[in-house]
Amino acid sequence: MWRICKPTLILTAGMLLTACAGSVKQSGSAGAAAADLEIPATVRQDFDAALARVVAGDDAAAIRDLEAFIQRYPDYSAAYTNLAIVYERQKQTDQALWLLKKAVEVDPAAVEAMNRLGLLSRQQGDFAAAEAYWRQATIADPGYANAWYNLGILSELYKQDYPAALECFRHYQALTDGAEADPVVARWIDDLERRGNVPVQAANSPEAL
């Protein structure tokens, strides 16, 4: 069966990270950094106002507000990532890629930006770059579950490396154990364990996202 890659969600003010804020362990939805408590109230308010435009789908206003925010606060990587999301919606992939790379330059632990870089690279058929970005995310934060999930997708569907896919899905499942455990991934793990190295049959399945 086909697997669906997990995109990074729109980042909230809780994800505002400076270059020295460190990484954030998360398993899918946006989380909050410890450094979040140190963010000035005025910065948070400005970012919240810009983010509201993104969430509302008001792309022109979101671009205007986020670009103005970046001019004032160039060290907040989440602003670059959210602006990239808007440009993705506008089908301006090159601009989105530049912004995501800038987010990683500003914050080497910006795993959400790395994840989106992986997704865009995969969509462009550059599987080596996609793997490199997701591996980079797992190094920056081994607890960032989305990178393990998407590496599993890449390993199984595009590289036919089933042992690697199994390892990645097991990492993902371990990180999302308990209330967040994914029963679908559990079935994939069982399937891979049963199949061993037998190729997956996906003749009539929809394309992965």
C-alpha atoms as a PDB file:
ATOM      1  CA  MET A   1       0.000   0.000   0.000  1.00  0.00           C
ATOM      2  CA  TRP A   2       1.028   3.593  -0.436  1.00  0.00           C
ATOM      3  CA  ARG A   3       2.132   5.632   2.537  1.00  0.00           C
ATOM      4  CA  ILE A   4       1.344   9.324   3.029  1.00  0.00           C
ATOM      5  CA  CYS A   5       4.158  11.609   4.127  1.00  0.00           C
ATOM      6  CA  LYS A   6       3.441  13.778   7.128  1.00  0.00           C
ATOM      7  CA  PRO A   7       3.858  17.514   6.545  1.00  0.00           C
ATOM      8  CA  THR A   8       4.765  19.929   9.293  1.00  0.00           C
ATOM      9  CA  LEU A   9       1.745  21.766  10.617  1.00  0.00           C
ATOM     10  CA  ILE A  10       1.467  25.555  10.684  1.00  0.00           C
ATOM     11  CA  LEU A  11       3.752  26.661  13.505  1.00  0.00           C
ATOM     12  CA  THR A  12       2.294  28.475  16.478  1.00  0.00           C
ATOM     13  CA  ALA A  13       3.826  31.224  18.577  1.00  0.00           C
ATOM     14  CA  GLY A  14       4.999  28.462  20.898  1.00  0.00           C
ATOM     15  CA  MET A  15       7.376  27.413  18.133  1.00  0.00           C
ATOM     16  CA  LEU A  16       9.115  30.805  17.952  1.00  0.00           C
ATOM     17  CA  LEU A  17      12.759  29.838  18.213  1.00  0.00           C
ATOM     18  CA  THR A  18      15.856  31.976  18.159  1.00  0.00           C
ATOM     19  CA  ALA A  19      19.123  30.685  16.782  1.00  0.00           C
ATOM     20  CA  CYS A  20      20.158  29.509  20.248  1.00  0.00           C
ATOM     21  CA  ALA A  21      16.810  28.190  21.480  1.00  0.00           C
ATOM     22  CA  GLY A  22      17.609  24.551  20.836  1.00  0.00           C
ATOM     23  CA  SER A  23      15.369  21.799  19.483  1.00  0.00           C
ATOM     24  CA  VAL A  24      11.801  20.904  20.288  1.00  0.00           C
ATOM     25  CA  LYS A  25      10.684  17.325  20.726  1.00  0.00           C
ATOM     26  CA  GLN A  26       7.383  16.804  18.993  1.00  0.00           C
ATOM     27  CA  SER A  27       5.443  13.982  17.423  1.00  0.00           C
ATOM     28  CA  GLY A  28       3.349  15.715  14.820  1.00  0.00           C
ATOM     29  CA  SER A  29       1.509  18.748  16.090  1.00  0.00           C
ATOM     30  CA  ALA A  30       3.314  21.920  17.035  1.00  0.00           C
ATOM     31  CA  GLY A  31       4.794  21.914  20.518  1.00  0.00           C
ATOM     32  CA  ALA A  32       6.250  24.541  22.841  1.00  0.00           C
ATOM     33  CA  ALA A  33       9.911  25.224  23.487  1.00  0.00           C
ATOM     34  CA  ALA A  34      11.369  25.806  26.916  1.00  0.00           C
ATOM     35  CA  ALA A  35      12.833  29.046  25.566  1.00  0.00           C
ATOM     36  CA  ASP A  36       9.297  30.135  24.744  1.00  0.00           C
ATOM     37  CA  LEU A  37       9.010  31.644  28.215  1.00  0.00           C
ATOM     38  CA  GLU A  38      11.768  34.107  27.349  1.00  0.00           C
ATOM     39  CA  ILE A  39      10.095  35.501  24.230  1.00  0.00           C
ATOM     40  CA  PRO A  40       9.164  39.157  24.732  1.00  0.00           C
ATOM     41  CA  ALA A  41       5.436  39.817  24.805  1.00  0.00           C
ATOM     42  CA  THR A  42       5.656  42.331  21.965  1.00  0.00           C
ATOM     43  CA  VAL A  43       7.420  39.795  19.749  1.00  0.00           C
ATOM     44  CA  ARG A  44       4.789  37.173  20.528  1.00  0.00           C
ATOM     45  CA  GLN A  45       1.980  39.600  19.732  1.00  0.00           C
ATOM     46  CA  ASP A  46       3.532  40.574  16.423  1.00  0.00           C
ATOM     47  CA  PHE A  47       4.055  36.961  15.452  1.00  0.00           C
ATOM     48  CA  ASP A  48       0.537  35.966  16.527  1.00  0.00           C
ATOM     49  CA  ALA A  49      -0.896  38.702  14.334  1.00  0.00           C
ATOM     50  CA  ALA A  50       1.083  37.479  11.331  1.00  0.00           C
ATOM     51  CA  LEU A  51       0.256  33.852  12.062  1.00  0.00           C
ATOM     52  CA  ALA A  52      -3.461  34.657  12.169  1.00  0.00           C
ATOM     53  CA  ARG A  53      -3.172  35.747   8.536  1.00  0.00           C
ATOM     54  CA  VAL A  54      -1.527  32.444   7.633  1.00  0.00           C
ATOM     55  CA  VAL A  55      -4.179  30.364   9.382  1.00  0.00           C
ATOM     56  CA  ALA A  56      -6.974  32.440   7.809  1.00  0.00           C
ATOM     57  CA  GLY A  57      -5.562  31.786   4.341  1.00  0.00           C
ATOM     58  CA  ASP A  58      -5.058  35.494   3.692  1.00  0.00           C
ATOM     59  CA  ASP A  59      -1.826  34.886   1.838  1.00  0.00           C
ATOM     60  CA  ALA A  60      -1.162  38.429   0.637  1.00  0.00           C
ATOM     61  CA  ALA A  61      -1.522  39.853   4.154  1.00  0.00           C
ATOM     62  CA  ALA A  62       0.412  36.911   5.643  1.00  0.00           C
ATOM     63  CA  ILE A  63       3.343  37.539   3.300  1.00  0.00           C
ATOM     64  CA  ARG A  64       3.285  41.254   4.097  1.00  0.00           C
ATOM     65  CA  ASP A  65       3.123  40.717   7.864  1.00  0.00           C
ATOM     66  CA  LEU A  66       5.693  37.922   8.016  1.00  0.00           C
ATOM     67  CA  GLU A  67       8.165  39.775   5.807  1.00  0.00           C
ATOM     68  CA  ALA A  68       7.764  42.830   8.041  1.00  0.00           C
ATOM     69  CA  PHE A  69       8.231  40.612  11.115  1.00  0.00           C
ATOM     70  CA  ILE A  70      11.425  39.127   9.677  1.00  0.00           C
ATOM     71  CA  GLN A  71      12.763  42.598   8.988  1.00  0.00           C
ATOM     72  CA  ARG A  72      12.334  43.447  12.676  1.00  0.00           C
ATOM     73  CA  TYR A  73      13.215  40.049  14.161  1.00  0.00           C
ATOM     74  CA  PRO A  74      15.513  38.188  11.727  1.00  0.00           C
ATOM     75  CA  ASP A  75      16.555  35.533  14.260  1.00  0.00           C
ATOM     76  CA  TYR A  76      13.170  33.785  14.629  1.00  0.00           C
ATOM     77  CA  SER A  77      13.289  30.706  12.420  1.00  0.00           C
ATOM     78  CA  ALA A  78       9.568  29.913  12.710  1.00  0.00           C
ATOM     79  CA  ALA A  79       8.761  33.128  10.823  1.00  0.00           C
ATOM     80  CA  TYR A  80      10.762  31.913   7.823  1.00  0.00           C
ATOM     81  CA  THR A  81       9.110  28.499   7.991  1.00  0.00           C
ATOM     82  CA  ASN A  82       5.582  29.906   8.115  1.00  0.00           C
ATOM     83  CA  LEU A  83       6.342  32.303   5.282  1.00  0.00           C
ATOM     84  CA  ALA A  84       7.632  29.334   3.285  1.00  0.00           C
ATOM     85  CA  ILE A  85       4.327  27.547   3.925  1.00  0.00           C
ATOM     86  CA  VAL A  86       2.479  30.504   2.415  1.00  0.00           C
ATOM     87  CA  TYR A  87       4.745  30.526  -0.628  1.00  0.00           C
ATOM     88  CA  GLU A  88       4.192  26.784  -1.001  1.00  0.00           C
ATOM     89  CA  ARG A  89       0.464  27.470  -1.167  1.00  0.00           C
ATOM     90  CA  GLN A  90       1.201  30.010  -3.876  1.00  0.00           C
ATOM     91  CA  LYS A  91       3.176  27.365  -5.827  1.00  0.00           C
ATOM     92  CA  GLN A  92       6.345  29.449  -5.475  1.00  0.00           C
ATOM     93  CA  THR A  93       8.543  26.503  -4.607  1.00  0.00           C
ATOM     94  CA  ASP A  94      11.909  28.166  -5.152  1.00  0.00           C
ATOM     95  CA  GLN A  95      11.053  30.960  -2.733  1.00  0.00           C
ATOM     96  CA  ALA A  96       9.736  28.433  -0.202  1.00  0.00           C
ATOM     97  CA  LEU A  97      12.948  26.410  -0.442  1.00  0.00           C
ATOM     98  CA  TRP A  98      15.081  29.525   0.082  1.00  0.00           C
ATOM     99  CA  LEU A  99      13.084  30.489   3.175  1.00  0.00           C
ATOM    100  CA  LEU A 100      13.274  27.000   4.667  1.00  0.00           C
ATOM    101  CA  LYS A 101      17.030  26.904   4.170  1.00  0.00           C
ATOM    102  CA  LYS A 102      17.228  30.317   5.799  1.00  0.00           C
ATOM    103  CA  ALA A 103      15.229  28.982   8.761  1.00  0.00           C
ATOM    104  CA  VAL A 104      17.829  26.221   9.229  1.00  0.00           C
ATOM    105  CA  GLU A 105      20.653  28.740   8.866  1.00  0.00           C
ATOM    106  CA  VAL A 106      19.079  30.884  11.598  1.00  0.00           C
ATOM    107  CA  ASP A 107      18.399  27.878  13.832  1.00  0.00           C
ATOM    108  CA  PRO A 108      20.378  24.674  13.122  1.00  0.00           C
ATOM    109  CA  ALA A 109      17.790  22.812  15.219  1.00  0.00           C
ATOM    110  CA  ALA A 110      14.804  23.939  13.108  1.00  0.00           C
ATOM    111  CA  VAL A 111      13.533  20.434  12.477  1.00  0.00           C
ATOM    112  CA  GLU A 112      10.174  21.620  11.147  1.00  0.00           C
ATOM    113  CA  ALA A 113      11.961  23.493   8.349  1.00  0.00           C
ATOM    114  CA  MET A 114      14.138  20.425   7.655  1.00  0.00           C
ATOM    115  CA  ASN A 115      11.029  18.275   7.428  1.00  0.00           C
ATOM    116  CA  ARG A 116       9.423  20.594   4.871  1.00  0.00           C
ATOM    117  CA  LEU A 117      12.674  20.714   2.913  1.00  0.00           C
ATOM    118  CA  GLY A 118      12.526  16.931   2.792  1.00  0.00           C
ATOM    119  CA  LEU A 119       8.943  16.962   1.568  1.00  0.00           C
ATOM    120  CA  LEU A 120       9.628  19.510  -1.165  1.00  0.00           C
ATOM    121  CA  SER A 121      12.756  17.638  -2.258  1.00  0.00           C
ATOM    122  CA  ARG A 122      10.802  14.393  -2.461  1.00  0.00           C
ATOM    123  CA  GLN A 123       8.083  16.078  -4.496  1.00  0.00           C
ATOM    124  CA  GLN A 124      10.764  17.271  -6.923  1.00  0.00           C
ATOM    125  CA  GLY A 125      12.129  13.750  -7.237  1.00  0.00           C
ATOM    126  CA  ASP A 126      15.357  14.501  -5.371  1.00  0.00           C
ATOM    127  CA  PHE A 127      15.208  11.551  -2.999  1.00  0.00           C
ATOM    128  CA  ALA A 128      18.834  11.861  -1.899  1.00  0.00           C
ATOM    129  CA  ALA A 129      18.239  15.438  -0.733  1.00  0.00           C
ATOM    130  CA  ALA A 130      14.984  14.441   0.970  1.00  0.00           C
ATOM    131  CA  GLU A 131      16.757  11.710   2.898  1.00  0.00           C
ATOM    132  CA  ALA A 132      19.575  14.075   3.841  1.00  0.00           C
ATOM    133  CA  TYR A 133      17.156  16.660   5.250  1.00  0.00           C
ATOM    134  CA  TRP A 134      15.217  14.070   7.249  1.00  0.00           C
ATOM    135  CA  ARG A 135      18.444  12.508   8.549  1.00  0.00           C
ATOM    136  CA  GLN A 136      19.585  15.992   9.524  1.00  0.00           C
ATOM    137  CA  ALA A 137      16.352  16.437  11.473  1.00  0.00           C
ATOM    138  CA  THR A 138      16.837  13.155  13.348  1.00  0.00           C
ATOM    139  CA  ILE A 139      20.346  14.247  14.312  1.00  0.00           C
ATOM    140  CA  ALA A 140      19.170  17.694  15.417  1.00  0.00           C
ATOM    141  CA  ASP A 141      16.377  16.107  17.454  1.00  0.00           C
ATOM    142  CA  PRO A 142      16.205  12.285  17.639  1.00  0.00           C
ATOM    143  CA  GLY A 143      12.759  12.682  19.211  1.00  0.00           C
ATOM    144  CA  TYR A 144      11.252  14.473  16.209  1.00  0.00           C
ATOM    145  CA  ALA A 145       8.857  11.764  15.076  1.00  0.00           C
ATOM    146  CA  ASN A 146       7.798  13.181  11.695  1.00  0.00           C
ATOM    147  CA  ALA A 147      11.303  12.800  10.278  1.00  0.00           C
ATOM    148  CA  TRP A 148      11.383   9.097  11.199  1.00  0.00           C
ATOM    149  CA  TYR A 149       7.934   8.609   9.658  1.00  0.00           C
ATOM    150  CA  ASN A 150       8.896  10.270   6.377  1.00  0.00           C
ATOM    151  CA  LEU A 151      12.201   8.404   6.240  1.00  0.00           C
ATOM    152  CA  GLY A 152      10.202   5.203   6.546  1.00  0.00           C
ATOM    153  CA  ILE A 153       8.027   6.241   3.605  1.00  0.00           C
ATOM    154  CA  LEU A 154      11.078   7.096   1.526  1.00  0.00           C
ATOM    155  CA  SER A 155      12.902   3.899   2.427  1.00  0.00           C
ATOM    156  CA  GLU A 156       9.959   1.646   1.609  1.00  0.00           C
ATOM    157  CA  LEU A 157       8.428   3.224  -1.463  1.00  0.00           C
ATOM    158  CA  TYR A 158      11.293   4.947  -3.214  1.00  0.00           C
ATOM    159  CA  LYS A 159      14.378   2.999  -2.174  1.00  0.00           C
ATOM    160  CA  GLN A 160      12.789  -0.413  -1.569  1.00  0.00           C
ATOM    161  CA  ASP A 161      15.013  -0.652   1.493  1.00  0.00           C
ATOM    162  CA  TYR A 162      12.581  -2.570   3.679  1.00  0.00           C
ATOM    163  CA  PRO A 163      14.875  -3.168   6.679  1.00  0.00           C
ATOM    164  CA  ALA A 164      15.556   0.574   6.831  1.00  0.00           C
ATOM    165  CA  ALA A 165      11.839   1.333   6.502  1.00  0.00           C
ATOM    166  CA  LEU A 166      11.060  -1.055   9.319  1.00  0.00           C
ATOM    167  CA  GLU A 167      13.684   0.549  11.553  1.00  0.00           C
ATOM    168  CA  CYS A 168      12.339   4.046  10.836  1.00  0.00           C
ATOM    169  CA  PHE A 169       8.722   3.085  11.480  1.00  0.00           C
ATOM    170  CA  ARG A 170       9.770   1.421  14.738  1.00  0.00           C
ATOM    171  CA  HIS A 171      11.505   4.648  15.785  1.00  0.00           C
ATOM    172  CA  TYR A 172       8.382   6.606  14.915  1.00  0.00           C
ATOM    173  CA  GLN A 173       6.117   4.228  16.808  1.00  0.00           C
ATOM    174  CA  ALA A 174       8.341   4.290  19.891  1.00  0.00           C
ATOM    175  CA  LEU A 175       8.219   8.093  19.923  1.00  0.00           C
ATOM    176  CA  THR A 176       4.435   8.147  19.592  1.00  0.00           C
ATOM    177  CA  ASP A 177       3.727   5.351  22.048  1.00  0.00           C
ATOM    178  CA  GLY A 178       0.741   5.611  24.370  1.00  0.00           C
ATOM    179  CA  ALA A 179      -2.078   8.022  23.610  1.00  0.00           C
ATOM    180  CA  GLU A 180      -0.434   9.141  20.364  1.00  0.00           C
ATOM    181  CA  ALA A 181       0.351   5.646  19.068  1.00  0.00           C
ATOM    182  CA  ASP A 182      -0.557   5.225  15.412  1.00  0.00           C
ATOM    183  CA  PRO A 183      -2.432   1.974  14.719  1.00  0.00           C
ATOM    184  CA  VAL A 184      -1.887   2.370  10.982  1.00  0.00           C
ATOM    185  CA  VAL A 185       1.890   2.460  11.404  1.00  0.00           C
ATOM    186  CA  ALA A 186       1.598  -0.555  13.698  1.00  0.00           C
ATOM    187  CA  ARG A 187      -0.015  -2.438  10.806  1.00  0.00           C
ATOM    188  CA  TRP A 188       2.735  -1.305   8.445  1.00  0.00           C
ATOM    189  CA  ILE A 189       5.342  -2.627  10.861  1.00  0.00           C
ATOM    190  CA  ASP A 190       3.557  -5.978  11.057  1.00  0.00           C
ATOM    191  CA  ASP A 191       3.330  -6.049   7.265  1.00  0.00           C
ATOM    192  CA  LEU A 192       7.039  -5.317   6.831  1.00  0.00           C
ATOM    193  CA  GLU A 193       7.975  -7.928   9.422  1.00  0.00           C
ATOM    194  CA  ARG A 194       5.870 -10.530   7.608  1.00  0.00           C
ATOM    195  CA  ARG A 195       7.037  -9.594   4.122  1.00  0.00           C
ATOM    196  CA  GLY A 196      10.709  -9.332   4.796  1.00  0.00           C
ATOM    197  CA  ASN A 197      12.151  -8.176   1.450  1.00  0.00           C
ATOM    198  CA  VAL A 198       9.081  -8.902  -0.687  1.00  0.00           C
ATOM    199  CA  PRO A 199       8.191  -5.728  -2.683  1.00  0.00           C
ATOM    200  CA  VAL A 200       4.971  -3.982  -1.761  1.00  0.00           C
ATOM    201  CA  GLN A 201       2.125  -4.245  -4.289  1.00  0.00           C
ATOM    202  CA  ALA A 202       0.724  -0.790  -4.985  1.00  0.00           C
ATOM    203  CA  ALA A 203      -0.648  -1.124  -8.489  1.00  0.00           C
ATOM    204  CA  ASN A 204      -4.084   0.343  -7.784  1.00  0.00           C
ATOM    205  CA  SER A 205      -3.211   2.632  -4.894  1.00  0.00           C
ATOM    206  CA  PRO A 206      -3.373   6.442  -4.941  1.00  0.00           C
ATOM    207  CA  GLU A 207      -0.177   8.430  -5.118  1.00  0.00           C
ATOM    208  CA  ALA A 208       1.404   9.361  -1.797  1.00  0.00           C
ATOM    209  CA  LEU A 209       1.217  13.001  -0.801  1.00  0.00           C
END
